[in-house]
Amino acid sequence: MRKSKLQAASLEGDADDIEAAFYAALQNGDIDKLMACWADEDDIFCIHPGGPRVVGATAIRATFEAMFANGGAVRAWPERVRKTESMASSVHNVLERVEVLTAKGPTQAWVIATNVYHRTAQGWRLVAHHASPGTTSEIQEVSDAPSVLH
């Protein structure tokens, strides 16, 4: 899949900028902007909550097109981001707050996702998105950090 120069130019910046563009594209149901966030590599992959591993840009695009066709957008916001960064890669583990429509109206669910970014010739790009099934209660975090500082 070819990316236009316009798309590449609009995605300059760091991994945080690409992550913001990715979630904005999800929320707006914009498949072209969403796919512009992905690296142009054969082995990029995406795992949607409870789904199979989807490999390659064509297959990833098809899964998001199907999601957008059902509701027009995915109402997901990254929160409580934890990052591991190096010169050429950045791994973001996020709690995604997702708005889900139910018979009783909109409600929130929480999904844990990991987004992996690489610095490519086109700039920072997404190479992996792995989301775990969600829960309706906010996900608790287990950490080594003490909860009370003295």
N, C-alpha and C. Protein backbone atom coordinates (compact mmCIF):
# COMPACT_ATOMS: atom_id res chain seq x y z
N MET A 1 0.84 -1.16 0.00
CA MET A 1 0.00 0.00 0.00
C MET A 1 0.89 1.23 0.00
N ARG A 2 0.61 2.16 -0.92
CA ARG A 2 1.41 3.37 -1.00
C ARG A 2 0.76 4.46 -0.17
N LYS A 3 1.60 5.25 0.48
CA LYS A 3 1.12 6.39 1.24
C LYS A 3 1.45 7.64 0.43
N SER A 4 0.53 8.57 0.39
CA SER A 4 0.79 9.80 -0.36
C SER A 4 1.79 10.66 0.39
N LYS A 5 2.45 11.57 -0.33
CA LYS A 5 3.40 12.48 0.30
C LYS A 5 2.68 13.37 1.31
N LEU A 6 1.43 13.72 1.02
CA LEU A 6 0.65 14.54 1.94
C LEU A 6 0.46 13.82 3.27
N GLN A 7 0.10 12.54 3.22
CA GLN A 7 -0.08 11.78 4.45
C GLN A 7 1.23 11.68 5.22
N ALA A 8 2.32 11.39 4.51
CA ALA A 8 3.61 11.26 5.19
C ALA A 8 4.01 12.58 5.83
N ALA A 9 3.77 13.68 5.14
CA ALA A 9 4.15 14.99 5.67
C ALA A 9 3.35 15.33 6.91
N SER A 10 2.09 14.90 6.98
CA SER A 10 1.26 15.24 8.13
C SER A 10 1.57 14.39 9.35
N LEU A 11 2.42 13.39 9.21
CA LEU A 11 2.71 12.49 10.32
C LEU A 11 4.14 12.62 10.83
N GLU A 12 4.75 13.75 10.63
CA GLU A 12 6.07 13.95 11.20
C GLU A 12 5.92 14.15 12.70
N GLY A 13 6.96 13.85 13.44
CA GLY A 13 6.92 14.00 14.88
C GLY A 13 7.44 12.76 15.55
N ASP A 14 7.01 12.55 16.78
CA ASP A 14 7.49 11.40 17.53
C ASP A 14 6.39 10.35 17.68
N ALA A 15 6.68 9.31 18.43
CA ALA A 15 5.71 8.22 18.62
C ALA A 15 4.43 8.74 19.26
N ASP A 16 4.53 9.71 20.16
CA ASP A 16 3.33 10.28 20.78
C ASP A 16 2.42 10.93 19.75
N ASP A 17 3.02 11.60 18.76
CA ASP A 17 2.23 12.23 17.70
C ASP A 17 1.52 11.19 16.85
N ILE A 18 2.19 10.09 16.55
CA ILE A 18 1.58 9.02 15.76
C ILE A 18 0.46 8.37 16.55
N GLU A 19 0.68 8.18 17.85
CA GLU A 19 -0.37 7.60 18.68
C GLU A 19 -1.60 8.50 18.71
N ALA A 20 -1.39 9.80 18.85
CA ALA A 20 -2.52 10.74 18.84
C ALA A 20 -3.25 10.68 17.50
N ALA A 21 -2.51 10.61 16.40
CA ALA A 21 -3.13 10.52 15.07
C ALA A 21 -3.90 9.22 14.91
N PHE A 22 -3.37 8.12 15.44
CA PHE A 22 -4.03 6.82 15.36
C PHE A 22 -5.38 6.85 16.08
N TYR A 23 -5.39 7.36 17.33
CA TYR A 23 -6.64 7.39 18.08
C TYR A 23 -7.63 8.41 17.51
N ALA A 24 -7.13 9.52 16.96
CA ALA A 24 -8.02 10.48 16.30
C ALA A 24 -8.68 9.84 15.08
N ALA A 25 -7.90 9.09 14.31
CA ALA A 25 -8.46 8.41 13.14
C ALA A 25 -9.49 7.35 13.56
N LEU A 26 -9.22 6.63 14.65
CA LEU A 26 -10.20 5.67 15.16
C LEU A 26 -11.51 6.37 15.52
N GLN A 27 -11.39 7.46 16.26
CA GLN A 27 -12.57 8.17 16.73
C GLN A 27 -13.37 8.81 15.60
N ASN A 28 -12.69 9.14 14.49
CA ASN A 28 -13.35 9.76 13.35
C ASN A 28 -13.71 8.77 12.25
N GLY A 29 -13.34 7.51 12.42
CA GLY A 29 -13.64 6.50 11.41
C GLY A 29 -12.93 6.79 10.09
N ASP A 30 -11.71 7.34 10.15
CA ASP A 30 -10.98 7.73 8.95
C ASP A 30 -9.92 6.68 8.62
N ILE A 31 -10.26 5.77 7.72
CA ILE A 31 -9.39 4.65 7.41
C ILE A 31 -8.07 5.09 6.78
N ASP A 32 -8.09 6.12 5.93
CA ASP A 32 -6.85 6.56 5.29
C ASP A 32 -5.88 7.15 6.30
N LYS A 33 -6.38 7.99 7.20
CA LYS A 33 -5.50 8.56 8.23
C LYS A 33 -5.01 7.49 9.19
N LEU A 34 -5.87 6.53 9.50
CA LEU A 34 -5.47 5.44 10.39
C LEU A 34 -4.34 4.62 9.75
N MET A 35 -4.50 4.27 8.48
CA MET A 35 -3.49 3.45 7.82
C MET A 35 -2.19 4.22 7.59
N ALA A 36 -2.27 5.55 7.51
CA ALA A 36 -1.06 6.36 7.35
C ALA A 36 -0.18 6.29 8.60
N CYS A 37 -0.75 5.88 9.72
CA CYS A 37 0.02 5.74 10.97
C CYS A 37 0.88 4.49 10.98
N TRP A 38 0.52 3.51 10.16
CA TRP A 38 1.21 2.22 10.15
C TRP A 38 2.47 2.28 9.29
N ALA A 39 3.47 1.51 9.68
CA ALA A 39 4.71 1.38 8.89
C ALA A 39 4.41 0.64 7.60
N ASP A 40 5.19 0.91 6.60
CA ASP A 40 5.08 0.25 5.32
C ASP A 40 6.00 -0.98 5.33
N GLU A 41 5.63 -1.96 6.15
CA GLU A 41 6.43 -3.18 6.32
C GLU A 41 5.51 -4.38 6.22
N ASP A 42 6.03 -5.49 5.73
CA ASP A 42 5.22 -6.69 5.54
C ASP A 42 4.74 -7.31 6.85
N ASP A 43 5.52 -7.21 7.91
CA ASP A 43 5.22 -7.93 9.15
C ASP A 43 4.50 -7.11 10.21
N ILE A 44 3.92 -5.96 9.86
CA ILE A 44 3.14 -5.24 10.87
C ILE A 44 1.96 -6.12 11.27
N PHE A 45 1.53 -5.98 12.54
CA PHE A 45 0.41 -6.81 12.96
C PHE A 45 -0.51 -6.08 13.92
N CYS A 46 -1.72 -6.60 14.00
CA CYS A 46 -2.75 -6.03 14.86
C CYS A 46 -3.55 -7.18 15.46
N ILE A 47 -3.82 -7.09 16.74
CA ILE A 47 -4.67 -8.08 17.41
C ILE A 47 -5.77 -7.29 18.12
N HIS A 48 -6.99 -7.46 17.63
CA HIS A 48 -8.13 -6.81 18.26
C HIS A 48 -8.58 -7.66 19.44
N PRO A 49 -9.26 -7.07 20.42
CA PRO A 49 -9.67 -7.84 21.61
C PRO A 49 -10.40 -9.13 21.25
N GLY A 50 -9.83 -10.24 21.69
CA GLY A 50 -10.43 -11.55 21.47
C GLY A 50 -10.29 -12.07 20.05
N GLY A 51 -9.55 -11.36 19.21
CA GLY A 51 -9.44 -11.75 17.80
C GLY A 51 -8.12 -12.42 17.47
N PRO A 52 -7.98 -12.82 16.20
CA PRO A 52 -6.74 -13.46 15.75
C PRO A 52 -5.66 -12.42 15.47
N ARG A 53 -4.46 -12.89 15.24
CA ARG A 53 -3.37 -12.02 14.81
C ARG A 53 -3.60 -11.70 13.33
N VAL A 54 -3.63 -10.43 13.01
CA VAL A 54 -3.85 -9.96 11.63
C VAL A 54 -2.53 -9.37 11.16
N VAL A 55 -1.97 -9.91 10.08
CA VAL A 55 -0.64 -9.52 9.63
C VAL A 55 -0.71 -8.87 8.25
N GLY A 56 -0.03 -7.74 8.11
CA GLY A 56 0.06 -7.05 6.84
C GLY A 56 -0.95 -5.93 6.71
N ALA A 57 -0.57 -4.91 5.94
CA ALA A 57 -1.38 -3.70 5.81
C ALA A 57 -2.75 -3.97 5.20
N THR A 58 -2.83 -4.83 4.20
CA THR A 58 -4.12 -5.10 3.54
C THR A 58 -5.09 -5.76 4.52
N ALA A 59 -4.62 -6.73 5.27
CA ALA A 59 -5.48 -7.42 6.23
C ALA A 59 -5.87 -6.50 7.38
N ILE A 60 -4.92 -5.70 7.87
CA ILE A 60 -5.22 -4.76 8.95
C ILE A 60 -6.26 -3.75 8.49
N ARG A 61 -6.08 -3.22 7.30
CA ARG A 61 -7.04 -2.25 6.75
C ARG A 61 -8.44 -2.86 6.70
N ALA A 62 -8.54 -4.10 6.24
CA ALA A 62 -9.84 -4.76 6.13
C ALA A 62 -10.54 -4.87 7.49
N THR A 63 -9.78 -5.15 8.56
CA THR A 63 -10.42 -5.29 9.87
C THR A 63 -10.95 -3.94 10.36
N PHE A 64 -10.19 -2.87 10.13
CA PHE A 64 -10.67 -1.56 10.56
C PHE A 64 -11.81 -1.07 9.67
N GLU A 65 -11.77 -1.37 8.38
CA GLU A 65 -12.89 -1.00 7.51
C GLU A 65 -14.18 -1.67 7.99
N ALA A 66 -14.08 -2.93 8.40
CA ALA A 66 -15.25 -3.64 8.91
C ALA A 66 -15.77 -2.98 10.19
N MET A 67 -14.87 -2.58 11.07
CA MET A 67 -15.29 -1.90 12.31
C MET A 67 -15.97 -0.57 11.99
N PHE A 68 -15.39 0.18 11.09
CA PHE A 68 -15.95 1.49 10.73
C PHE A 68 -17.29 1.34 10.03
N ALA A 69 -17.48 0.27 9.28
CA ALA A 69 -18.74 0.05 8.57
C ALA A 69 -19.89 -0.18 9.54
N ASN A 70 -19.62 -0.80 10.67
CA ASN A 70 -20.68 -1.11 11.64
C ASN A 70 -21.12 0.09 12.47
N GLY A 71 -20.22 1.01 12.73
CA GLY A 71 -20.61 2.12 13.58
C GLY A 71 -19.99 3.44 13.18
N GLY A 72 -19.17 3.42 12.17
CA GLY A 72 -18.58 4.65 11.69
C GLY A 72 -17.31 5.08 12.40
N ALA A 73 -17.08 4.62 13.61
CA ALA A 73 -15.90 5.02 14.37
C ALA A 73 -15.75 4.10 15.58
N VAL A 74 -14.58 4.18 16.17
CA VAL A 74 -14.31 3.46 17.42
C VAL A 74 -14.03 4.52 18.46
N ARG A 75 -14.89 4.65 19.42
CA ARG A 75 -14.77 5.68 20.46
C ARG A 75 -13.82 5.16 21.54
N ALA A 76 -12.51 5.35 21.33
CA ALA A 76 -11.49 4.87 22.26
C ALA A 76 -10.49 5.98 22.55
N TRP A 77 -10.15 6.13 23.81
CA TRP A 77 -9.20 7.15 24.25
C TRP A 77 -8.10 6.47 25.06
N PRO A 78 -6.83 6.74 24.73
CA PRO A 78 -5.74 6.15 25.51
C PRO A 78 -5.57 6.90 26.83
N GLU A 79 -5.48 6.16 27.90
CA GLU A 79 -5.27 6.76 29.21
C GLU A 79 -4.21 5.97 29.95
N ARG A 80 -3.62 6.60 30.95
CA ARG A 80 -2.61 5.96 31.79
C ARG A 80 -1.57 5.22 30.95
N VAL A 81 -0.89 5.99 30.11
CA VAL A 81 0.12 5.45 29.20
C VAL A 81 1.41 5.18 29.96
N ARG A 82 1.98 4.02 29.74
CA ARG A 82 3.31 3.68 30.25
C ARG A 82 4.18 3.43 29.04
N LYS A 83 5.39 4.00 29.04
CA LYS A 83 6.25 3.95 27.85
C LYS A 83 7.61 3.36 28.16
N THR A 84 8.11 2.61 27.20
CA THR A 84 9.50 2.17 27.18
C THR A 84 10.05 2.67 25.85
N GLU A 85 11.04 3.55 25.92
CA GLU A 85 11.51 4.20 24.71
C GLU A 85 13.00 3.98 24.49
N SER A 86 13.37 3.94 23.22
CA SER A 86 14.78 3.92 22.84
C SER A 86 14.93 4.83 21.62
N MET A 87 16.10 4.85 21.03
CA MET A 87 16.33 5.75 19.91
C MET A 87 15.48 5.41 18.70
N ALA A 88 15.20 4.12 18.48
CA ALA A 88 14.50 3.71 17.25
C ALA A 88 13.19 3.00 17.49
N SER A 89 12.79 2.83 18.75
CA SER A 89 11.50 2.19 19.02
C SER A 89 10.88 2.76 20.29
N SER A 90 9.59 2.63 20.36
CA SER A 90 8.85 3.09 21.53
C SER A 90 7.67 2.16 21.73
N VAL A 91 7.53 1.65 22.94
CA VAL A 91 6.44 0.75 23.28
C VAL A 91 5.53 1.47 24.27
N HIS A 92 4.27 1.60 23.92
CA HIS A 92 3.28 2.27 24.78
C HIS A 92 2.26 1.24 25.24
N ASN A 93 2.14 1.08 26.53
CA ASN A 93 1.08 0.26 27.10
C ASN A 93 0.04 1.23 27.63
N VAL A 94 -1.18 1.11 27.14
CA VAL A 94 -2.23 2.06 27.49
C VAL A 94 -3.47 1.35 28.00
N LEU A 95 -4.18 2.05 28.85
CA LEU A 95 -5.54 1.64 29.18
C LEU A 95 -6.43 2.43 28.24
N GLU A 96 -7.18 1.74 27.41
CA GLU A 96 -8.09 2.42 26.49
C GLU A 96 -9.47 2.49 27.14
N ARG A 97 -9.97 3.70 27.25
CA ARG A 97 -11.36 3.90 27.68
C ARG A 97 -12.20 3.87 26.42
N VAL A 98 -13.10 2.91 26.32
CA VAL A 98 -13.88 2.70 25.12
C VAL A 98 -15.35 2.93 25.42
N GLU A 99 -16.00 3.72 24.57
CA GLU A 99 -17.43 3.92 24.70
C GLU A 99 -18.14 2.84 23.89
N VAL A 100 -19.02 2.10 24.56
CA VAL A 100 -19.73 0.99 23.93
C VAL A 100 -21.22 1.28 24.00
N LEU A 101 -21.92 1.08 22.87
CA LEU A 101 -23.36 1.25 22.88
C LEU A 101 -24.03 -0.04 23.29
N THR A 102 -24.90 0.05 24.31
CA THR A 102 -25.65 -1.12 24.78
C THR A 102 -27.14 -0.81 24.66
N ALA A 103 -27.97 -1.77 25.00
CA ALA A 103 -29.42 -1.57 24.96
C ALA A 103 -29.85 -0.45 25.91
N LYS A 104 -29.08 -0.24 26.96
CA LYS A 104 -29.39 0.81 27.94
C LYS A 104 -28.73 2.14 27.58
N GLY A 105 -28.04 2.20 26.45
CA GLY A 105 -27.35 3.42 26.04
C GLY A 105 -25.85 3.26 26.13
N PRO A 106 -25.11 4.36 25.94
CA PRO A 106 -23.65 4.27 25.97
C PRO A 106 -23.12 3.94 27.36
N THR A 107 -22.12 3.12 27.40
CA THR A 107 -21.42 2.81 28.65
C THR A 107 -19.93 2.74 28.34
N GLN A 108 -19.12 2.75 29.37
CA GLN A 108 -17.67 2.69 29.18
C GLN A 108 -17.15 1.30 29.49
N ALA A 109 -16.15 0.92 28.73
CA ALA A 109 -15.41 -0.31 28.99
C ALA A 109 -13.93 0.04 28.96
N TRP A 110 -13.13 -0.84 29.47
CA TRP A 110 -11.67 -0.62 29.52
C TRP A 110 -10.97 -1.77 28.81
N VAL A 111 -10.00 -1.42 28.00
CA VAL A 111 -9.20 -2.38 27.24
C VAL A 111 -7.74 -2.07 27.52
N ILE A 112 -6.92 -3.09 27.67
CA ILE A 112 -5.47 -2.89 27.79
C ILE A 112 -4.88 -3.11 26.41
N ALA A 113 -4.11 -2.13 25.94
CA ALA A 113 -3.50 -2.24 24.61
C ALA A 113 -2.01 -1.91 24.67
N THR A 114 -1.27 -2.54 23.79
CA THR A 114 0.14 -2.23 23.62
C THR A 114 0.34 -1.80 22.18
N ASN A 115 0.94 -0.63 22.01
CA ASN A 115 1.25 -0.07 20.70
C ASN A 115 2.77 0.02 20.57
N VAL A 116 3.30 -0.52 19.49
CA VAL A 116 4.75 -0.51 19.27
C VAL A 116 5.03 0.36 18.05
N TYR A 117 5.95 1.30 18.23
CA TYR A 117 6.33 2.23 17.18
C TYR A 117 7.81 2.07 16.85
N HIS A 118 8.13 2.15 15.56
CA HIS A 118 9.52 2.15 15.12
C HIS A 118 9.79 3.43 14.37
N ARG A 119 11.02 3.90 14.47
CA ARG A 119 11.44 5.03 13.66
C ARG A 119 11.85 4.45 12.30
N THR A 120 11.14 4.84 11.25
CA THR A 120 11.38 4.32 9.91
C THR A 120 11.91 5.44 9.02
N ALA A 121 12.15 5.14 7.77
CA ALA A 121 12.59 6.16 6.82
C ALA A 121 11.50 7.22 6.64
N GLN A 122 10.24 6.87 6.90
CA GLN A 122 9.12 7.82 6.80
C GLN A 122 8.84 8.53 8.12
N GLY A 123 9.64 8.26 9.14
CA GLY A 123 9.40 8.81 10.47
C GLY A 123 8.84 7.73 11.38
N TRP A 124 8.34 8.12 12.53
CA TRP A 124 7.79 7.16 13.48
C TRP A 124 6.51 6.56 12.90
N ARG A 125 6.38 5.23 13.02
CA ARG A 125 5.20 4.55 12.52
C ARG A 125 4.86 3.39 13.45
N LEU A 126 3.59 3.07 13.47
CA LEU A 126 3.05 1.95 14.24
C LEU A 126 3.41 0.64 13.54
N VAL A 127 3.94 -0.33 14.29
CA VAL A 127 4.25 -1.64 13.72
C VAL A 127 3.44 -2.75 14.39
N ALA A 128 2.85 -2.46 15.55
CA ALA A 128 2.05 -3.47 16.24
C ALA A 128 1.04 -2.80 17.16
N HIS A 129 -0.18 -3.34 17.14
CA HIS A 129 -1.24 -2.91 18.08
C HIS A 129 -1.86 -4.20 18.60
N HIS A 130 -1.78 -4.41 19.90
CA HIS A 130 -2.32 -5.63 20.52
C HIS A 130 -3.24 -5.21 21.66
N ALA A 131 -4.52 -5.48 21.50
CA ALA A 131 -5.51 -5.10 22.51
C ALA A 131 -6.14 -6.34 23.13
N SER A 132 -6.25 -6.33 24.45
CA SER A 132 -6.87 -7.43 25.19
C SER A 132 -8.34 -7.15 25.41
N PRO A 133 -9.14 -8.20 25.59
CA PRO A 133 -10.57 -7.99 25.85
C PRO A 133 -10.79 -7.07 27.05
N GLY A 134 -11.84 -6.31 26.97
CA GLY A 134 -12.11 -5.29 27.97
C GLY A 134 -12.98 -5.75 29.12
N THR A 135 -13.18 -4.82 30.03
CA THR A 135 -14.02 -5.03 31.19
C THR A 135 -14.81 -3.75 31.42
N THR A 136 -15.96 -3.86 32.05
CA THR A 136 -16.76 -2.66 32.31
C THR A 136 -16.28 -1.90 33.54
N SER A 137 -15.44 -2.52 34.36
CA SER A 137 -14.90 -1.80 35.50
C SER A 137 -13.48 -1.37 35.16
N GLU A 138 -13.06 -0.26 35.75
CA GLU A 138 -11.71 0.23 35.46
C GLU A 138 -10.69 -0.82 35.88
N ILE A 139 -9.74 -1.04 35.01
CA ILE A 139 -8.72 -2.07 35.23
C ILE A 139 -7.75 -1.59 36.30
N GLN A 140 -7.52 -2.44 37.27
CA GLN A 140 -6.57 -2.13 38.32
C GLN A 140 -5.17 -2.46 37.82
N GLU A 141 -4.21 -1.77 38.34
CA GLU A 141 -2.83 -1.95 37.92
C GLU A 141 -2.02 -2.47 39.09
N VAL A 142 -1.18 -3.46 38.82
CA VAL A 142 -0.26 -3.99 39.82
C VAL A 142 1.11 -3.44 39.49
N SER A 143 1.77 -2.84 40.47
CA SER A 143 3.04 -2.18 40.21
C SER A 143 3.98 -2.36 41.38
N ASP A 144 5.27 -2.26 41.11
CA ASP A 144 6.28 -2.30 42.16
C ASP A 144 6.36 -0.99 42.92
N ALA A 145 5.85 0.07 42.31
CA ALA A 145 5.95 1.40 42.93
C ALA A 145 5.13 1.45 44.22
N PRO A 146 5.71 2.01 45.28
CA PRO A 146 4.94 2.12 46.52
C PRO A 146 3.77 3.09 46.33
N SER A 147 2.66 2.79 46.99
CA SER A 147 1.48 3.63 46.84
C SER A 147 1.57 4.89 47.72
N VAL A 148 2.43 4.85 48.75
CA VAL A 148 2.58 5.98 49.64
C VAL A 148 4.06 6.38 49.68
N LEU A 149 4.35 7.63 49.42
CA LEU A 149 5.72 8.11 49.52
C LEU A 149 5.94 8.74 50.89
N HIS A 150 7.09 8.51 51.48
CA HIS A 150 7.38 9.09 52.80
C HIS A 150 8.11 10.38 52.69
